[in-house]
C-alpha atoms as a PDB file:
ATOM      1  CA  UNK A   1     -10.822  -9.099  -6.450  1.00  0.00           C
ATOM      2  CA  UNK A   2      -7.923 -11.012  -6.750  1.00  0.00           C
ATOM      3  CA  UNK A   3      -5.088 -11.452  -8.735  1.00  0.00           C
ATOM      4  CA  UNK A   4      -2.971 -13.952 -10.662  1.00  0.00           C
ATOM      5  CA  UNK A   5       0.598 -14.247  -9.716  1.00  0.00           C
ATOM      6  CA  UNK A   6       2.181 -12.442 -12.348  1.00  0.00           C
ATOM      7  CA  UNK A   7       0.144  -9.673 -11.550  1.00  0.00           C
ATOM      8  CA  UNK A   8       0.695  -9.349  -8.227  1.00  0.00           C
ATOM      9  CA  UNK A   9       4.535  -9.498  -9.014  1.00  0.00           C
ATOM     10  CA  UNK A  10       3.880  -6.344 -11.701  1.00  0.00           C
ATOM     11  CA  UNK A  11       1.664  -4.353  -8.780  1.00  0.00           C
ATOM     12  CA  UNK A  12       4.723  -4.893  -6.268  1.00  0.00           C
ATOM     13  CA  UNK A  13       6.926  -3.971  -8.816  1.00  0.00           C
ATOM     14  CA  UNK A  14       4.782  -0.846  -9.759  1.00  0.00           C
ATOM     15  CA  UNK A  15       4.450  -0.177  -5.773  1.00  0.00           C
ATOM     16  CA  UNK A  16       8.130  -0.622  -5.074  1.00  0.00           C
ATOM     17  CA  UNK A  17       8.973   2.105  -7.456  1.00  0.00           C
ATOM     18  CA  UNK A  18       6.333   3.835  -6.573  1.00  0.00           C
ATOM     19  CA  UNK A  19       7.951   3.610  -2.778  1.00  0.00           C
ATOM     20  CA  UNK A  20      11.518   4.970  -4.225  1.00  0.00           C
ATOM     21  CA  UNK A  21      10.260   7.865  -5.883  1.00  0.00           C
ATOM     22  CA  UNK A  22       8.366   8.720  -2.812  1.00  0.00           C
ATOM     23  CA  UNK A  23      11.500   8.732  -0.863  1.00  0.00           C
ATOM     24  CA  UNK A  24      13.638  10.501  -3.048  1.00  0.00           C
ATOM     25  CA  UNK A  25      11.061  13.155  -3.152  1.00  0.00           C
ATOM     26  CA  UNK A  26       9.880  13.631   0.554  1.00  0.00           C
ATOM     27  CA  UNK A  27      13.282  14.956   2.231  1.00  0.00           C
ATOM     28  CA  UNK A  28      11.480  13.766   5.494  1.00  0.00           C
ATOM     29  CA  UNK A  29      11.517  10.090   4.493  1.00  0.00           C
ATOM     30  CA  UNK A  30      15.020  10.414   3.549  1.00  0.00           C
ATOM     31  CA  UNK A  31      16.666  12.671   5.907  1.00  0.00           C
ATOM     32  CA  UNK A  32      15.524   9.451   8.571  1.00  0.00           C
ATOM     33  CA  UNK A  33      16.620   6.993   6.329  1.00  0.00           C
ATOM     34  CA  UNK A  34      13.182   5.090   5.741  1.00  0.00           C
ATOM     35  CA  UNK A  35      13.627   2.402   3.328  1.00  0.00           C
ATOM     36  CA  UNK A  36      11.454   2.276   0.068  1.00  0.00           C
ATOM     37  CA  UNK A  37       9.848  -1.052   1.115  1.00  0.00           C
ATOM     38  CA  UNK A  38       8.891   0.585   4.167  1.00  0.00           C
ATOM     39  CA  UNK A  39       7.302   4.099   2.522  1.00  0.00           C
ATOM     40  CA  UNK A  40       5.659   2.148  -0.223  1.00  0.00           C
ATOM     41  CA  UNK A  41       4.135  -0.134   2.067  1.00  0.00           C
ATOM     42  CA  UNK A  42       2.337   3.158   4.090  1.00  0.00           C
ATOM     43  CA  UNK A  43       2.040   4.537   0.792  1.00  0.00           C
ATOM     44  CA  UNK A  44      -0.289   1.667  -0.163  1.00  0.00           C
ATOM     45  CA  UNK A  45      -1.953   1.159   3.239  1.00  0.00           C
ATOM     46  CA  UNK A  46      -3.403   4.801   2.503  1.00  0.00           C
ATOM     47  CA  UNK A  47      -4.863   4.417  -0.768  1.00  0.00           C
ATOM     48  CA  UNK A  48      -6.405   0.857   0.420  1.00  0.00           C
ATOM     49  CA  UNK A  49      -8.169   2.706   3.719  1.00  0.00           C
ATOM     50  CA  UNK A  50      -8.823   6.005   1.815  1.00  0.00           C
ATOM     51  CA  UNK A  51     -10.926   3.041  -1.073  1.00  0.00           C
ATOM     52  CA  UNK A  52     -12.229   1.366   1.794  1.00  0.00           C
ATOM     53  CA  UNK A  53     -13.911   4.612   3.459  1.00  0.00           C
ATOM     54  CA  UNK A  54     -15.214   5.966   0.254  1.00  0.00           C
ATOM     55  CA  UNK A  55     -16.513   2.587  -1.377  1.00  0.00           C
ATOM     56  CA  UNK A  56     -17.174   0.616   1.597  1.00  0.00           C
ATOM     57  CA  UNK A  57     -15.389  -2.267  -0.547  1.00  0.00           C
ATOM     58  CA  UNK A  58     -13.009  -4.558   1.782  1.00  0.00           C
ATOM     59  CA  UNK A  59      -9.892  -5.928   1.225  1.00  0.00           C
ATOM     60  CA  UNK A  60     -10.230  -9.537   1.378  1.00  0.00           C
ATOM     61  CA  UNK A  61      -7.535 -10.948   4.017  1.00  0.00           C
ATOM     62  CA  UNK A  62      -6.247  -6.946   4.841  1.00  0.00           C
ATOM     63  CA  UNK A  63      -8.184  -6.938   8.144  1.00  0.00           C
ATOM     64  CA  UNK A  64     -10.247  -8.853  10.243  1.00  0.00           C
ATOM     65  CA  UNK A  65     -14.144  -8.698   9.486  1.00  0.00           C
ATOM     66  CA  UNK A  66     -16.362  -6.364  11.838  1.00  0.00           C
ATOM     67  CA  UNK A  67     -17.345  -8.194  15.062  1.00  0.00           C
ATOM     68  CA  UNK A  68     -21.985  -8.711  14.888  1.00  0.00           C
ATOM     69  CA  UNK A  69     -23.528  -8.501  17.846  1.00  0.00           C
END
């Protein structure tokens, strides 16, 4: 799946908002002054890894393809 520029921008805004909310609600993140973009990046990474593990779908360009023997 590929997103167009405007859709990508909207997803990025939602991800940053989720990171801001996550940093406010998780005290550990705010105690260690973890920035919102970092916490939202971790959240997205976990969600994409979960999606990959459950469905087997891979994010194009996110990880190198497995080596074939």
